[in-house]
Amino acid sequence: MTQNLYTKPLTSEAFAPFGDILDFSGQPDKIINQGFCERYDDRAAIDFSDGRSGISLFNAKPRTMPYKLDMMERHPLGSQAFIPMTYSAFLITVALDANDTPTHPIAFLSEPGQAINLHRNIWHGVLTPLQDPGIFAVIDRIGPEVNLEEFFFTQPYTVAHEVDF
């Protein structure tokens, strides 16, 4: 038996407990490059306990909706930013922590052009692009200590848009 979970639009207010949204909202902080480029400063709080920041490239296979969410993971030693390298939406599932267990998940659907930075220790689903190619730049902690915890639900969730149910 599965539990139903509906997607919400990805907004700064709704996503604030889980992380930061990287987008072009608001006014640019500076105009640079002889007036040809708008610069939007400091859109995410990169946070590591130790180690160093690294930029990795992920090539994830696209998923389809409705999507089965049966596992979440978290990274206790550092934040993790996901920056799509295509102009496509992707699915984000997140949950707060309750005694080393994810609370009831929340599903967000990004808009093309949005990226996210998950705060340290936030439970989240795996990278879930909805279109091919699922190419992302990922900024996260690089270091020798294990920075991954996984949780498997005994009852998975079915994530869909409200119109799909």
N, C-alpha and C. Protein backbone atom coordinates (compact mmCIF):
# COMPACT_ATOMS: atom_id res chain seq x y z
N MET A 1 0.84 -1.19 0.00
CA MET A 1 0.00 0.00 0.00
C MET A 1 0.89 1.25 0.00
N THR A 2 0.51 2.21 -0.81
CA THR A 2 1.28 3.45 -0.87
C THR A 2 0.45 4.61 -0.34
N GLN A 3 1.15 5.68 -0.02
CA GLN A 3 0.52 6.91 0.44
C GLN A 3 0.65 7.93 -0.68
N ASN A 4 -0.37 8.76 -0.87
CA ASN A 4 -0.35 9.76 -1.94
C ASN A 4 0.31 11.04 -1.46
N LEU A 5 1.11 11.62 -2.35
CA LEU A 5 1.82 12.86 -2.07
C LEU A 5 1.70 13.73 -3.31
N TYR A 6 1.24 14.99 -3.15
CA TYR A 6 1.01 15.88 -4.27
C TYR A 6 2.13 16.90 -4.39
N THR A 7 2.51 17.25 -5.60
CA THR A 7 3.55 18.25 -5.81
C THR A 7 3.01 19.65 -5.54
N LYS A 8 3.93 20.50 -5.09
CA LYS A 8 3.66 21.92 -4.88
C LYS A 8 4.64 22.70 -5.75
N PRO A 9 4.29 23.94 -6.09
CA PRO A 9 5.28 24.78 -6.79
C PRO A 9 6.45 25.07 -5.86
N LEU A 10 7.63 25.20 -6.42
CA LEU A 10 8.84 25.49 -5.66
C LEU A 10 8.92 27.00 -5.44
N THR A 11 8.63 27.44 -4.20
CA THR A 11 8.73 28.86 -3.85
C THR A 11 9.72 29.02 -2.70
N SER A 12 10.31 30.18 -2.59
CA SER A 12 11.29 30.45 -1.53
C SER A 12 10.67 30.28 -0.15
N GLU A 13 9.45 30.73 0.03
CA GLU A 13 8.80 30.65 1.34
C GLU A 13 8.54 29.20 1.73
N ALA A 14 7.99 28.41 0.82
CA ALA A 14 7.65 27.02 1.13
C ALA A 14 8.90 26.16 1.32
N PHE A 15 9.97 26.48 0.59
CA PHE A 15 11.18 25.66 0.62
C PHE A 15 12.17 26.08 1.72
N ALA A 16 11.95 27.22 2.35
CA ALA A 16 12.90 27.79 3.32
C ALA A 16 13.32 26.83 4.43
N PRO A 17 12.45 25.99 5.01
CA PRO A 17 12.93 25.08 6.05
C PRO A 17 13.92 24.02 5.56
N PHE A 18 13.98 23.82 4.25
CA PHE A 18 14.79 22.75 3.68
C PHE A 18 16.05 23.25 2.98
N GLY A 19 16.01 24.48 2.48
CA GLY A 19 17.16 24.98 1.75
C GLY A 19 16.87 26.28 1.03
N ASP A 20 17.70 26.56 0.04
CA ASP A 20 17.64 27.81 -0.72
C ASP A 20 17.25 27.51 -2.16
N ILE A 21 16.57 28.47 -2.77
CA ILE A 21 16.28 28.39 -4.21
C ILE A 21 17.22 29.34 -4.92
N LEU A 22 17.85 28.85 -5.95
CA LEU A 22 18.72 29.67 -6.78
C LEU A 22 17.93 30.01 -8.04
N ASP A 23 17.57 31.29 -8.18
CA ASP A 23 16.83 31.71 -9.36
C ASP A 23 17.08 33.19 -9.60
N PHE A 24 16.38 33.76 -10.54
CA PHE A 24 16.57 35.15 -10.91
C PHE A 24 15.49 36.06 -10.34
N SER A 25 14.91 35.70 -9.20
CA SER A 25 13.88 36.54 -8.61
C SER A 25 14.50 37.82 -8.04
N GLY A 26 13.70 38.87 -7.99
CA GLY A 26 14.18 40.14 -7.46
C GLY A 26 15.05 40.88 -8.46
N GLN A 27 15.64 41.93 -7.97
CA GLN A 27 16.51 42.76 -8.80
C GLN A 27 17.94 42.24 -8.76
N PRO A 28 18.70 42.38 -9.84
CA PRO A 28 20.11 41.97 -9.79
C PRO A 28 20.89 42.84 -8.81
N ASP A 29 21.93 42.27 -8.22
CA ASP A 29 22.78 43.01 -7.29
C ASP A 29 23.73 43.95 -8.03
N LYS A 30 24.14 43.55 -9.23
CA LYS A 30 25.08 44.35 -10.01
C LYS A 30 24.82 44.10 -11.49
N ILE A 31 25.20 45.07 -12.27
CA ILE A 31 25.27 44.91 -13.72
C ILE A 31 26.76 44.91 -14.05
N ILE A 32 27.23 43.83 -14.69
CA ILE A 32 28.66 43.67 -14.96
C ILE A 32 28.90 43.42 -16.44
N ASN A 33 30.13 43.18 -16.79
CA ASN A 33 30.53 42.88 -18.18
C ASN A 33 30.04 43.93 -19.17
N GLN A 34 30.36 45.17 -18.85
CA GLN A 34 30.03 46.31 -19.71
C GLN A 34 28.54 46.42 -19.99
N GLY A 35 27.73 46.05 -18.96
CA GLY A 35 26.28 46.18 -19.08
C GLY A 35 25.57 45.01 -19.72
N PHE A 36 26.29 43.94 -20.06
CA PHE A 36 25.70 42.80 -20.73
C PHE A 36 25.29 41.66 -19.80
N CYS A 37 25.53 41.79 -18.48
CA CYS A 37 25.27 40.68 -17.57
C CYS A 37 24.72 41.18 -16.24
N GLU A 38 23.60 40.59 -15.83
CA GLU A 38 23.04 40.85 -14.51
C GLU A 38 23.62 39.83 -13.54
N ARG A 39 24.09 40.30 -12.39
CA ARG A 39 24.66 39.40 -11.38
C ARG A 39 23.74 39.38 -10.16
N TYR A 40 23.34 38.17 -9.74
CA TYR A 40 22.50 37.94 -8.57
C TYR A 40 23.39 37.25 -7.53
N ASP A 41 23.78 37.99 -6.49
CA ASP A 41 24.78 37.52 -5.53
C ASP A 41 24.21 36.61 -4.44
N ASP A 42 25.07 35.71 -3.99
CA ASP A 42 24.89 34.95 -2.75
C ASP A 42 23.51 34.33 -2.62
N ARG A 43 23.13 33.50 -3.56
CA ARG A 43 21.80 32.89 -3.59
C ARG A 43 21.67 31.66 -2.70
N ALA A 44 22.78 31.10 -2.20
CA ALA A 44 22.70 29.89 -1.37
C ALA A 44 23.76 29.92 -0.29
N ALA A 45 23.41 29.34 0.86
CA ALA A 45 24.35 29.24 1.98
C ALA A 45 25.02 27.86 1.93
N ILE A 46 26.19 27.79 1.33
CA ILE A 46 26.95 26.54 1.28
C ILE A 46 27.52 26.32 2.68
N ASP A 47 27.30 25.13 3.25
CA ASP A 47 27.63 24.88 4.65
C ASP A 47 28.27 23.49 4.80
N PHE A 48 29.54 23.46 5.24
CA PHE A 48 30.24 22.20 5.46
C PHE A 48 30.83 22.18 6.85
N SER A 49 30.83 21.00 7.48
CA SER A 49 31.46 20.88 8.80
C SER A 49 32.98 20.82 8.68
N ASP A 50 33.46 20.23 7.62
CA ASP A 50 34.89 20.13 7.33
C ASP A 50 35.02 19.73 5.87
N GLY A 51 36.17 19.33 5.44
CA GLY A 51 36.35 18.99 4.03
C GLY A 51 36.42 20.25 3.19
N ARG A 52 36.09 20.13 1.92
CA ARG A 52 36.14 21.25 1.00
C ARG A 52 34.95 21.18 0.06
N SER A 53 34.66 22.26 -0.62
CA SER A 53 33.59 22.24 -1.60
C SER A 53 34.12 21.69 -2.92
N GLY A 54 33.27 21.00 -3.62
CA GLY A 54 33.61 20.49 -4.93
C GLY A 54 32.42 20.65 -5.86
N ILE A 55 32.69 20.71 -7.14
CA ILE A 55 31.63 20.75 -8.15
C ILE A 55 31.73 19.46 -8.95
N SER A 56 30.66 18.68 -8.88
CA SER A 56 30.59 17.41 -9.61
C SER A 56 29.51 17.52 -10.68
N LEU A 57 29.56 16.66 -11.66
CA LEU A 57 28.53 16.60 -12.69
C LEU A 57 27.77 15.29 -12.53
N PHE A 58 26.43 15.36 -12.53
CA PHE A 58 25.56 14.19 -12.42
C PHE A 58 24.81 14.05 -13.73
N ASN A 59 24.64 12.81 -14.20
CA ASN A 59 23.83 12.52 -15.38
C ASN A 59 22.79 11.49 -14.96
N ALA A 60 21.63 11.96 -14.50
CA ALA A 60 20.60 11.10 -13.94
C ALA A 60 19.57 10.73 -15.00
N LYS A 61 19.11 9.50 -14.94
CA LYS A 61 18.05 9.06 -15.84
C LYS A 61 16.74 9.70 -15.41
N PRO A 62 15.94 10.17 -16.37
CA PRO A 62 14.68 10.81 -16.01
C PRO A 62 13.69 9.80 -15.42
N ARG A 63 12.84 10.31 -14.56
CA ARG A 63 11.78 9.51 -13.93
C ARG A 63 10.45 9.98 -14.49
N THR A 64 9.42 9.17 -14.28
CA THR A 64 8.09 9.52 -14.75
C THR A 64 7.17 9.73 -13.55
N MET A 65 6.14 10.50 -13.79
CA MET A 65 5.09 10.74 -12.80
C MET A 65 3.92 9.85 -13.15
N PRO A 66 3.20 9.28 -12.20
CA PRO A 66 3.50 9.34 -10.77
C PRO A 66 4.80 8.62 -10.45
N TYR A 67 5.45 9.11 -9.39
CA TYR A 67 6.77 8.64 -8.99
C TYR A 67 6.68 7.92 -7.64
N LYS A 68 7.36 6.79 -7.53
CA LYS A 68 7.35 6.03 -6.27
C LYS A 68 8.53 6.49 -5.40
N LEU A 69 8.21 7.08 -4.26
CA LEU A 69 9.22 7.52 -3.30
C LEU A 69 9.30 6.48 -2.19
N ASP A 70 10.35 5.69 -2.20
CA ASP A 70 10.49 4.65 -1.18
C ASP A 70 11.73 4.83 -0.31
N MET A 71 12.56 5.83 -0.64
CA MET A 71 13.80 6.05 0.11
C MET A 71 14.13 7.54 0.11
N MET A 72 14.70 7.98 1.24
CA MET A 72 15.24 9.34 1.33
C MET A 72 16.64 9.23 1.91
N GLU A 73 17.43 10.27 1.65
CA GLU A 73 18.79 10.31 2.17
C GLU A 73 19.07 11.69 2.73
N ARG A 74 20.15 11.79 3.52
CA ARG A 74 20.58 13.09 4.02
C ARG A 74 22.09 13.10 4.14
N HIS A 75 22.63 14.32 4.22
CA HIS A 75 24.07 14.51 4.28
C HIS A 75 24.38 15.35 5.52
N PRO A 76 24.79 14.71 6.62
CA PRO A 76 24.98 15.44 7.88
C PRO A 76 26.19 16.35 7.91
N LEU A 77 27.13 16.19 6.99
CA LEU A 77 28.37 16.97 7.04
C LEU A 77 28.40 18.14 6.07
N GLY A 78 27.36 18.31 5.25
CA GLY A 78 27.41 19.42 4.32
C GLY A 78 26.15 19.60 3.51
N SER A 79 25.94 20.83 3.07
CA SER A 79 24.83 21.16 2.18
C SER A 79 25.10 20.57 0.79
N GLN A 80 24.08 20.61 -0.05
CA GLN A 80 24.22 20.04 -1.39
C GLN A 80 23.36 20.84 -2.35
N ALA A 81 23.99 21.45 -3.36
CA ALA A 81 23.28 22.26 -4.35
C ALA A 81 23.14 21.49 -5.65
N PHE A 82 21.94 21.53 -6.23
CA PHE A 82 21.64 20.88 -7.50
C PHE A 82 21.29 21.95 -8.52
N ILE A 83 22.09 22.05 -9.58
CA ILE A 83 21.92 23.09 -10.58
C ILE A 83 21.72 22.42 -11.94
N PRO A 84 20.47 22.42 -12.45
CA PRO A 84 20.22 21.79 -13.74
C PRO A 84 21.04 22.46 -14.84
N MET A 85 21.57 21.67 -15.74
CA MET A 85 22.32 22.21 -16.86
C MET A 85 21.49 22.21 -18.15
N THR A 86 20.19 21.98 -17.98
CA THR A 86 19.22 22.12 -19.05
C THR A 86 18.07 22.97 -18.51
N TYR A 87 17.26 23.50 -19.39
CA TYR A 87 16.15 24.35 -18.97
C TYR A 87 14.90 23.49 -18.80
N SER A 88 14.92 22.64 -17.75
CA SER A 88 13.83 21.70 -17.50
C SER A 88 13.45 21.70 -16.03
N ALA A 89 12.22 21.32 -15.76
CA ALA A 89 11.75 21.16 -14.38
C ALA A 89 12.28 19.84 -13.82
N PHE A 90 12.36 19.77 -12.48
CA PHE A 90 12.68 18.51 -11.83
C PHE A 90 11.89 18.39 -10.53
N LEU A 91 11.76 17.17 -10.04
CA LEU A 91 11.01 16.87 -8.83
C LEU A 91 11.94 16.91 -7.63
N ILE A 92 11.49 17.54 -6.55
CA ILE A 92 12.27 17.61 -5.31
C ILE A 92 11.39 17.09 -4.19
N THR A 93 11.86 16.09 -3.45
CA THR A 93 11.14 15.61 -2.28
C THR A 93 12.03 15.82 -1.07
N VAL A 94 11.45 16.39 -0.01
CA VAL A 94 12.21 16.74 1.18
C VAL A 94 11.39 16.43 2.42
N ALA A 95 12.09 16.31 3.55
CA ALA A 95 11.42 16.11 4.84
C ALA A 95 12.35 16.61 5.94
N LEU A 96 11.76 17.07 7.02
CA LEU A 96 12.53 17.42 8.20
C LEU A 96 12.86 16.15 8.97
N ASP A 97 13.66 16.27 10.00
CA ASP A 97 14.11 15.12 10.79
C ASP A 97 13.33 15.02 12.10
N ALA A 98 12.98 13.80 12.46
CA ALA A 98 12.38 13.51 13.76
C ALA A 98 13.06 12.25 14.31
N ASN A 99 14.03 12.42 15.20
CA ASN A 99 14.75 11.28 15.80
C ASN A 99 15.38 10.37 14.76
N ASP A 100 16.13 10.98 13.84
CA ASP A 100 16.85 10.25 12.79
C ASP A 100 15.93 9.55 11.79
N THR A 101 14.72 10.08 11.64
CA THR A 101 13.74 9.56 10.69
C THR A 101 13.12 10.74 9.95
N PRO A 102 12.89 10.62 8.66
CA PRO A 102 12.22 11.72 7.96
C PRO A 102 10.77 11.86 8.43
N THR A 103 10.33 13.11 8.57
CA THR A 103 8.92 13.36 8.82
C THR A 103 8.16 13.14 7.50
N HIS A 104 6.86 13.46 7.48
CA HIS A 104 6.06 13.31 6.26
C HIS A 104 6.70 14.13 5.13
N PRO A 105 7.03 13.49 4.01
CA PRO A 105 7.70 14.21 2.91
C PRO A 105 6.81 15.27 2.27
N ILE A 106 7.47 16.23 1.66
CA ILE A 106 6.82 17.26 0.86
C ILE A 106 7.45 17.18 -0.53
N ALA A 107 6.62 17.29 -1.56
CA ALA A 107 7.11 17.23 -2.94
C ALA A 107 6.96 18.59 -3.60
N PHE A 108 8.04 19.05 -4.23
CA PHE A 108 8.04 20.31 -4.96
C PHE A 108 8.36 20.03 -6.43
N LEU A 109 7.77 20.81 -7.29
CA LEU A 109 8.09 20.75 -8.71
C LEU A 109 8.73 22.08 -9.08
N SER A 110 9.98 22.03 -9.53
CA SER A 110 10.67 23.27 -9.91
C SER A 110 10.11 23.81 -11.21
N GLU A 111 10.43 25.05 -11.45
CA GLU A 111 10.20 25.67 -12.75
C GLU A 111 11.50 25.57 -13.53
N PRO A 112 11.47 25.51 -14.85
CA PRO A 112 12.73 25.60 -15.60
C PRO A 112 13.49 26.85 -15.19
N GLY A 113 14.78 26.72 -14.97
CA GLY A 113 15.61 27.85 -14.56
C GLY A 113 15.82 27.95 -13.06
N GLN A 114 15.16 27.10 -12.26
CA GLN A 114 15.38 27.09 -10.82
C GLN A 114 16.36 26.00 -10.44
N ALA A 115 17.18 26.28 -9.44
CA ALA A 115 18.09 25.32 -8.85
C ALA A 115 17.88 25.36 -7.35
N ILE A 116 18.40 24.37 -6.63
CA ILE A 116 18.21 24.34 -5.18
C ILE A 116 19.52 24.05 -4.45
N ASN A 117 19.58 24.49 -3.22
CA ASN A 117 20.64 24.12 -2.29
C ASN A 117 19.97 23.54 -1.06
N LEU A 118 20.18 22.26 -0.81
CA LEU A 118 19.62 21.61 0.37
C LEU A 118 20.51 21.88 1.56
N HIS A 119 19.92 22.33 2.66
CA HIS A 119 20.68 22.55 3.87
C HIS A 119 21.26 21.23 4.38
N ARG A 120 22.30 21.34 5.16
CA ARG A 120 22.92 20.18 5.79
C ARG A 120 21.87 19.44 6.63
N ASN A 121 21.89 18.10 6.55
CA ASN A 121 21.06 17.21 7.37
C ASN A 121 19.58 17.20 6.99
N ILE A 122 19.22 17.69 5.81
CA ILE A 122 17.82 17.65 5.36
C ILE A 122 17.60 16.36 4.59
N TRP A 123 16.56 15.62 4.99
CA TRP A 123 16.19 14.40 4.25
C TRP A 123 15.67 14.81 2.87
N HIS A 124 16.08 14.08 1.84
CA HIS A 124 15.61 14.38 0.48
C HIS A 124 15.62 13.11 -0.35
N GLY A 125 14.77 13.11 -1.37
CA GLY A 125 14.77 12.01 -2.33
C GLY A 125 15.97 12.11 -3.25
N VAL A 126 16.16 11.08 -4.04
CA VAL A 126 17.27 11.08 -4.99
C VAL A 126 17.00 12.10 -6.09
N LEU A 127 18.04 12.45 -6.83
CA LEU A 127 17.92 13.39 -7.94
C LEU A 127 16.87 12.86 -8.92
N THR A 128 15.86 13.69 -9.21
CA THR A 128 14.71 13.21 -9.98
C THR A 128 14.38 14.14 -11.14
N PRO A 129 15.18 14.10 -12.21
CA PRO A 129 14.79 14.86 -13.40
C PRO A 129 13.57 14.20 -14.03
N LEU A 130 12.78 15.01 -14.73
CA LEU A 130 11.58 14.48 -15.39
C LEU A 130 11.72 14.44 -16.90
N GLN A 131 12.84 14.96 -17.42
CA GLN A 131 13.10 14.94 -18.86
C GLN A 131 14.55 14.55 -19.09
N ASP A 132 14.80 14.03 -20.26
CA ASP A 132 16.15 13.69 -20.68
C ASP A 132 16.73 14.89 -21.43
N PRO A 133 17.95 15.28 -21.23
CA PRO A 133 18.93 14.68 -20.33
C PRO A 133 18.81 15.25 -18.91
N GLY A 134 19.14 14.44 -17.93
CA GLY A 134 19.08 14.83 -16.52
C GLY A 134 20.46 15.25 -16.03
N ILE A 135 21.00 16.29 -16.64
CA ILE A 135 22.37 16.71 -16.35
C ILE A 135 22.34 17.86 -15.33
N PHE A 136 23.10 17.69 -14.24
CA PHE A 136 23.15 18.67 -13.17
C PHE A 136 24.59 18.91 -12.75
N ALA A 137 24.90 20.14 -12.40
CA ALA A 137 26.12 20.45 -11.66
C ALA A 137 25.72 20.38 -10.18
N VAL A 138 26.54 19.73 -9.38
CA VAL A 138 26.25 19.56 -7.96
C VAL A 138 27.43 20.11 -7.16
N ILE A 139 27.12 21.03 -6.26
CA ILE A 139 28.14 21.58 -5.37
C ILE A 139 27.91 20.97 -4.00
N ASP A 140 28.88 20.21 -3.52
CA ASP A 140 28.74 19.61 -2.20
C ASP A 140 30.09 19.37 -1.56
N ARG A 141 30.06 18.78 -0.38
CA ARG A 141 31.25 18.56 0.43
C ARG A 141 32.05 17.38 -0.11
N ILE A 142 33.35 17.58 -0.22
CA ILE A 142 34.28 16.52 -0.60
C ILE A 142 35.18 16.28 0.61
N GLY A 143 35.24 15.05 1.09
CA GLY A 143 36.08 14.73 2.24
C GLY A 143 36.07 13.24 2.51
N PRO A 144 36.95 12.76 3.37
CA PRO A 144 37.08 11.32 3.59
C PRO A 144 35.96 10.70 4.43
N GLU A 145 35.28 11.48 5.28
CA GLU A 145 34.24 10.91 6.13
C GLU A 145 32.98 10.61 5.32
N VAL A 146 32.24 9.59 5.75
CA VAL A 146 30.99 9.23 5.10
C VAL A 146 29.97 10.33 5.38
N ASN A 147 29.35 10.83 4.33
CA ASN A 147 28.40 11.94 4.43
C ASN A 147 27.05 11.55 3.84
N LEU A 148 26.63 10.32 4.08
CA LEU A 148 25.37 9.83 3.52
C LEU A 148 24.68 8.92 4.52
N GLU A 149 23.40 9.22 4.78
CA GLU A 149 22.53 8.33 5.55
C GLU A 149 21.30 8.08 4.72
N GLU A 150 20.80 6.86 4.71
CA GLU A 150 19.61 6.50 3.93
C GLU A 150 18.51 5.99 4.85
N PHE A 151 17.26 6.25 4.44
CA PHE A 151 16.09 5.75 5.16
C PHE A 151 15.12 5.17 4.15
N PHE A 152 14.67 3.92 4.37
CA PHE A 152 13.72 3.26 3.47
C PHE A 152 12.35 3.21 4.16
N PHE A 153 11.32 3.70 3.48
CA PHE A 153 9.96 3.71 4.02
C PHE A 153 9.37 2.30 3.98
N THR A 154 8.66 1.91 5.02
CA THR A 154 7.95 0.63 4.99
C THR A 154 6.73 0.73 4.08
N GLN A 155 6.12 1.91 4.01
CA GLN A 155 5.04 2.19 3.06
C GLN A 155 5.50 3.31 2.16
N PRO A 156 5.78 3.02 0.89
CA PRO A 156 6.25 4.08 -0.01
C PRO A 156 5.15 5.10 -0.30
N TYR A 157 5.57 6.22 -0.85
CA TYR A 157 4.67 7.28 -1.27
C TYR A 157 4.57 7.28 -2.78
N THR A 158 3.39 7.62 -3.29
CA THR A 158 3.21 7.87 -4.71
C THR A 158 3.11 9.37 -4.89
N VAL A 159 4.07 9.95 -5.61
CA VAL A 159 4.13 11.39 -5.82
C VAL A 159 3.56 11.69 -7.20
N ALA A 160 2.59 12.62 -7.22
CA ALA A 160 1.96 12.98 -8.49
C ALA A 160 1.47 14.42 -8.40
N HIS A 161 1.11 14.98 -9.54
CA HIS A 161 0.44 16.27 -9.58
C HIS A 161 -1.01 16.01 -9.15
N GLU A 162 -1.66 16.97 -8.54
CA GLU A 162 -3.03 16.77 -8.08
C GLU A 162 -3.95 16.28 -9.19
N VAL A 163 -3.74 16.75 -10.40
CA VAL A 163 -4.61 16.36 -11.52
C VAL A 163 -4.41 14.89 -11.90
N ASP A 164 -3.31 14.26 -11.45
CA ASP A 164 -3.04 12.86 -11.81
C ASP A 164 -3.83 11.87 -10.96
N PHE A 165 -4.32 12.31 -9.81
CA PHE A 165 -5.07 11.39 -8.92
C PHE A 165 -6.55 11.45 -9.19
